[in-house]
N, C-alpha and C. Protein backbone atom coordinates (compact mmCIF):
# COMPACT_ATOMS: atom_id res chain seq x y z
N MET A 1 -8.90 11.45 0.18
CA MET A 1 -8.23 10.27 -1.50
C MET A 1 -7.47 9.38 -0.76
N LEU A 2 -6.33 9.78 -0.38
CA LEU A 2 -4.60 10.11 -0.56
C LEU A 2 -4.42 8.63 0.15
N ASP A 3 -4.72 9.77 1.65
CA ASP A 3 -5.03 8.47 2.16
C ASP A 3 -5.38 6.62 2.37
N ARG A 4 -6.82 7.24 1.23
CA ARG A 4 -7.63 5.70 0.80
C ARG A 4 -6.57 5.24 0.03
N ILE A 5 -5.90 5.00 -0.47
CA ILE A 5 -4.97 4.63 -2.15
C ILE A 5 -3.80 4.55 -1.39
N ALA A 6 -3.05 5.48 -0.11
CA ALA A 6 -2.25 4.96 0.17
C ALA A 6 -2.58 3.40 1.17
N LEU A 7 -4.00 3.65 2.20
CA LEU A 7 -4.36 2.38 2.30
C LEU A 7 -4.52 1.15 1.33
N ILE A 8 -5.31 1.39 0.45
CA ILE A 8 -4.68 0.79 -0.85
C ILE A 8 -3.58 -0.57 -1.51
N LEU A 9 -3.15 0.46 -1.55
CA LEU A 9 -0.80 -0.42 -1.35
C LEU A 9 -0.97 -0.75 -0.72
N THR A 10 -0.94 -0.15 0.96
CA THR A 10 -0.45 -1.31 1.87
C THR A 10 -1.40 -2.61 1.71
N ILE A 11 -2.00 -2.18 1.41
CA ILE A 11 -2.72 -3.22 2.02
C ILE A 11 -2.19 -4.40 0.21
N VAL A 12 -1.78 -4.04 -0.71
CA VAL A 12 -1.61 -5.02 -1.79
C VAL A 12 -0.63 -5.44 -1.01
N GLY A 13 0.84 -4.30 -0.82
CA GLY A 13 1.47 -4.48 -0.30
C GLY A 13 1.20 -6.08 0.89
N ALA A 14 0.22 -6.20 2.08
CA ALA A 14 0.12 -7.00 3.46
C ALA A 14 0.27 -8.25 2.48
N LEU A 15 -0.57 -8.11 1.63
CA LEU A 15 -0.96 -9.18 0.98
C LEU A 15 -0.10 -10.36 0.44
N ASN A 16 0.76 -9.64 -0.27
CA ASN A 16 1.75 -10.29 -0.75
C ASN A 16 3.00 -10.34 -0.23
N TRP A 17 2.92 -9.47 1.15
CA TRP A 17 4.15 -10.58 1.65
C TRP A 17 3.06 -11.67 1.86
N GLY A 18 2.37 -11.93 2.57
CA GLY A 18 1.75 -13.04 3.14
C GLY A 18 1.48 -13.79 1.71
N THR A 19 1.15 -14.33 0.58
CA THR A 19 1.83 -14.66 -0.37
C THR A 19 3.20 -15.73 -0.28
N ILE A 20 3.69 -14.40 -0.17
CA ILE A 20 5.75 -15.12 0.12
C ILE A 20 5.47 -15.62 1.44
N GLY A 21 5.49 -15.44 2.23
CA GLY A 21 5.35 -16.71 3.42
C GLY A 21 5.08 -17.94 3.33
N LEU A 22 2.91 -17.15 3.28
CA LEU A 22 3.09 -18.80 3.71
C LEU A 22 3.05 -19.84 2.57
N PHE A 23 3.59 -19.22 1.13
CA PHE A 23 2.98 -20.44 0.14
C PHE A 23 4.78 -19.69 -1.11
N GLN A 24 5.31 -18.62 -0.59
CA GLN A 24 6.85 -19.01 -1.72
C GLN A 24 6.48 -18.03 -2.75
N PHE A 25 5.73 -17.17 -2.53
CA PHE A 25 5.14 -17.27 -3.65
C PHE A 25 4.73 -15.24 -3.80
N ASP A 26 5.62 -14.80 -5.16
CA ASP A 26 5.52 -14.13 -4.73
C ASP A 26 4.21 -12.94 -6.37
N MET A 27 3.30 -12.95 -5.75
CA MET A 27 2.31 -12.28 -6.60
C MET A 27 2.08 -10.47 -7.56
N VAL A 28 3.20 -10.32 -7.07
CA VAL A 28 2.96 -8.53 -7.72
C VAL A 28 4.01 -9.59 -9.17
N ALA A 29 4.91 -10.06 -8.64
CA ALA A 29 6.05 -10.98 -9.29
C ALA A 29 5.24 -11.53 -10.78
N PHE A 30 4.44 -12.43 -10.03
CA PHE A 30 4.32 -13.81 -11.29
C PHE A 30 3.05 -12.41 -12.08
N LEU A 31 2.18 -11.42 -11.51
CA LEU A 31 1.13 -10.86 -12.22
C LEU A 31 1.82 -10.13 -13.05
N PHE A 32 3.04 -9.05 -13.15
CA PHE A 32 3.93 -8.35 -13.41
C PHE A 32 5.25 -9.68 -14.51
N GLY A 33 5.20 -10.37 -14.38
CA GLY A 33 6.58 -10.77 -14.85
C GLY A 33 7.48 -10.87 -14.70
N GLY A 34 7.85 -11.45 -12.84
CA GLY A 34 9.47 -11.21 -12.34
C GLY A 34 9.37 -9.77 -11.69
N GLN A 35 10.54 -9.93 -10.64
CA GLN A 35 10.59 -8.67 -9.72
C GLN A 35 11.85 -7.96 -10.20
N ASP A 36 12.26 -8.06 -11.89
CA ASP A 36 12.93 -7.27 -12.36
C ASP A 36 12.13 -6.81 -13.34
N ASN A 37 10.86 -6.66 -13.76
CA ASN A 37 10.28 -6.29 -14.57
C ASN A 37 9.95 -4.34 -14.02
N ILE A 38 9.82 -3.74 -15.26
CA ILE A 38 9.87 -1.97 -14.16
C ILE A 38 8.57 -2.31 -14.18
N ILE A 39 7.04 -3.00 -14.58
CA ILE A 39 6.29 -2.66 -14.14
C ILE A 39 5.54 -3.14 -12.43
N ALA A 40 6.30 -4.32 -12.59
CA ALA A 40 6.54 -4.60 -11.00
C ALA A 40 7.24 -4.02 -9.75
N ARG A 41 8.76 -2.87 -10.31
CA ARG A 41 9.84 -2.56 -9.47
C ARG A 41 8.43 -1.13 -9.14
N ILE A 42 7.85 -0.64 -10.46
CA ILE A 42 7.33 0.75 -9.84
C ILE A 42 5.80 0.24 -9.04
N VAL A 43 5.41 -1.33 -9.12
CA VAL A 43 4.08 -0.93 -7.70
C VAL A 43 4.79 -2.16 -6.53
N TYR A 44 5.57 -2.09 -6.79
CA TYR A 44 6.87 -2.39 -5.21
C TYR A 44 6.99 -0.83 -4.27
N SER A 45 7.48 -0.21 -5.58
CA SER A 45 7.76 1.82 -5.59
C SER A 45 6.93 1.99 -4.71
N LEU A 46 5.52 1.90 -5.41
CA LEU A 46 4.23 2.58 -5.17
C LEU A 46 3.80 2.43 -3.65
N VAL A 47 3.66 0.93 -3.96
CA VAL A 47 3.19 -0.04 -2.29
C VAL A 47 4.09 0.66 -1.32
N ALA A 48 5.99 0.44 -0.79
CA ALA A 48 6.50 1.59 -0.29
C ALA A 48 6.27 3.15 0.12
N LEU A 49 5.73 3.14 -0.91
CA LEU A 49 5.72 4.90 -0.35
C LEU A 49 4.36 4.78 0.06
N GLY A 50 3.34 3.95 -0.31
CA GLY A 50 1.80 4.02 0.28
C GLY A 50 2.29 3.32 2.10
N GLY A 51 2.76 2.72 1.90
CA GLY A 51 3.15 2.40 3.67
C GLY A 51 3.65 3.51 4.34
N ILE A 52 4.62 4.33 3.67
CA ILE A 52 5.42 5.38 4.18
C ILE A 52 4.28 6.43 4.66
N TRP A 53 3.00 6.88 3.43
CA TRP A 53 2.28 7.46 4.08
C TRP A 53 1.15 7.08 5.16
N CYS A 54 1.07 5.72 5.03
CA CYS A 54 0.05 5.09 6.92
C CYS A 54 0.83 5.91 7.39
N ILE A 55 1.95 6.13 7.58
CA ILE A 55 2.80 6.20 9.04
C ILE A 55 2.07 7.46 9.61
N SER A 56 1.30 8.78 8.71
CA SER A 56 1.24 9.44 9.16
C SER A 56 0.03 9.46 10.07
N LEU A 57 -0.74 8.31 9.36
CA LEU A 57 -1.92 8.47 10.29
C LEU A 57 -1.65 7.29 11.71
N LEU A 58 -0.60 7.21 12.14
CA LEU A 58 -0.92 7.12 13.19
C LEU A 58 -0.49 8.46 14.71
N PHE A 59 -0.01 9.11 13.42
CA PHE A 59 0.82 10.02 14.37
C PHE A 59 -0.41 12.15 14.61
N ARG A 60 -1.60 11.69 13.46
CA ARG A 60 -2.99 11.91 13.37
C ARG A 60 -3.84 11.86 14.65
N ASP A 61 -4.49 13.26 15.01
CA ASP A 61 -5.27 12.94 15.86
C ASP A 61 -6.60 12.62 14.95
N ARG A 62 -7.55 11.85 15.42
CA ARG A 62 -8.70 11.13 15.34
C ARG A 62 -9.78 12.12 15.00
N GLU A 63 -10.05 12.97 15.45
CA GLU A 63 -10.95 14.17 14.81
C GLU A 63 -10.16 14.96 14.01
N GLU A 64 -9.12 14.79 13.57
CA GLU A 64 -9.07 15.87 12.12
C GLU A 64 -9.36 15.13 11.49
N ILE A 65 -8.93 13.29 11.40
CA ILE A 65 -9.51 12.80 10.52
C ILE A 65 -10.85 12.96 9.94
N THR A 66 -11.70 12.18 10.95
CA THR A 66 -13.14 12.94 10.76
C THR A 66 -13.17 14.45 10.49
N LYS A 67 -12.86 15.29 10.44
CA LYS A 67 -13.65 16.55 9.86
C LYS A 67 -12.41 16.46 8.58
N ILE A 68 -11.61 16.15 8.22
CA ILE A 68 -11.07 15.94 6.72
C ILE A 68 -12.29 15.26 5.91
N GLU A 69 -12.53 13.99 6.35
CA GLU A 69 -12.85 13.08 4.97
C GLU A 69 -14.28 13.80 5.66
N SER A 70 -15.26 14.44 6.17
CA SER A 70 -16.07 15.01 6.51
C SER A 70 -16.65 15.88 5.15
N SER A 71 -15.49 17.06 5.26
CA SER A 71 -15.70 18.11 4.10
C SER A 71 -15.46 17.24 3.18
N ALA A 72 -14.93 16.21 2.70
CA ALA A 72 -14.18 15.85 1.76
C ALA A 72 -15.65 15.35 0.83
N HIS A 73 -16.95 15.36 1.70
CA HIS A 73 -17.79 13.97 1.49
C HIS A 73 -19.00 15.48 0.68
């Protein structure tokens, strides 16, 4: 479950960076009242934590991930 949450947060971050890169538009800041707003800062921090968690996916054995997913269902 934590892997999925981290992946969703990482996708949100990637989409936000995409809008910044392509359109110079910060979607998170727009939705939450600016970059300095506490809610926007929390979202940025959660996205960063999700990205850090996703680093662990690079070093996991694929069979281990499959076993974890199978036991969760």
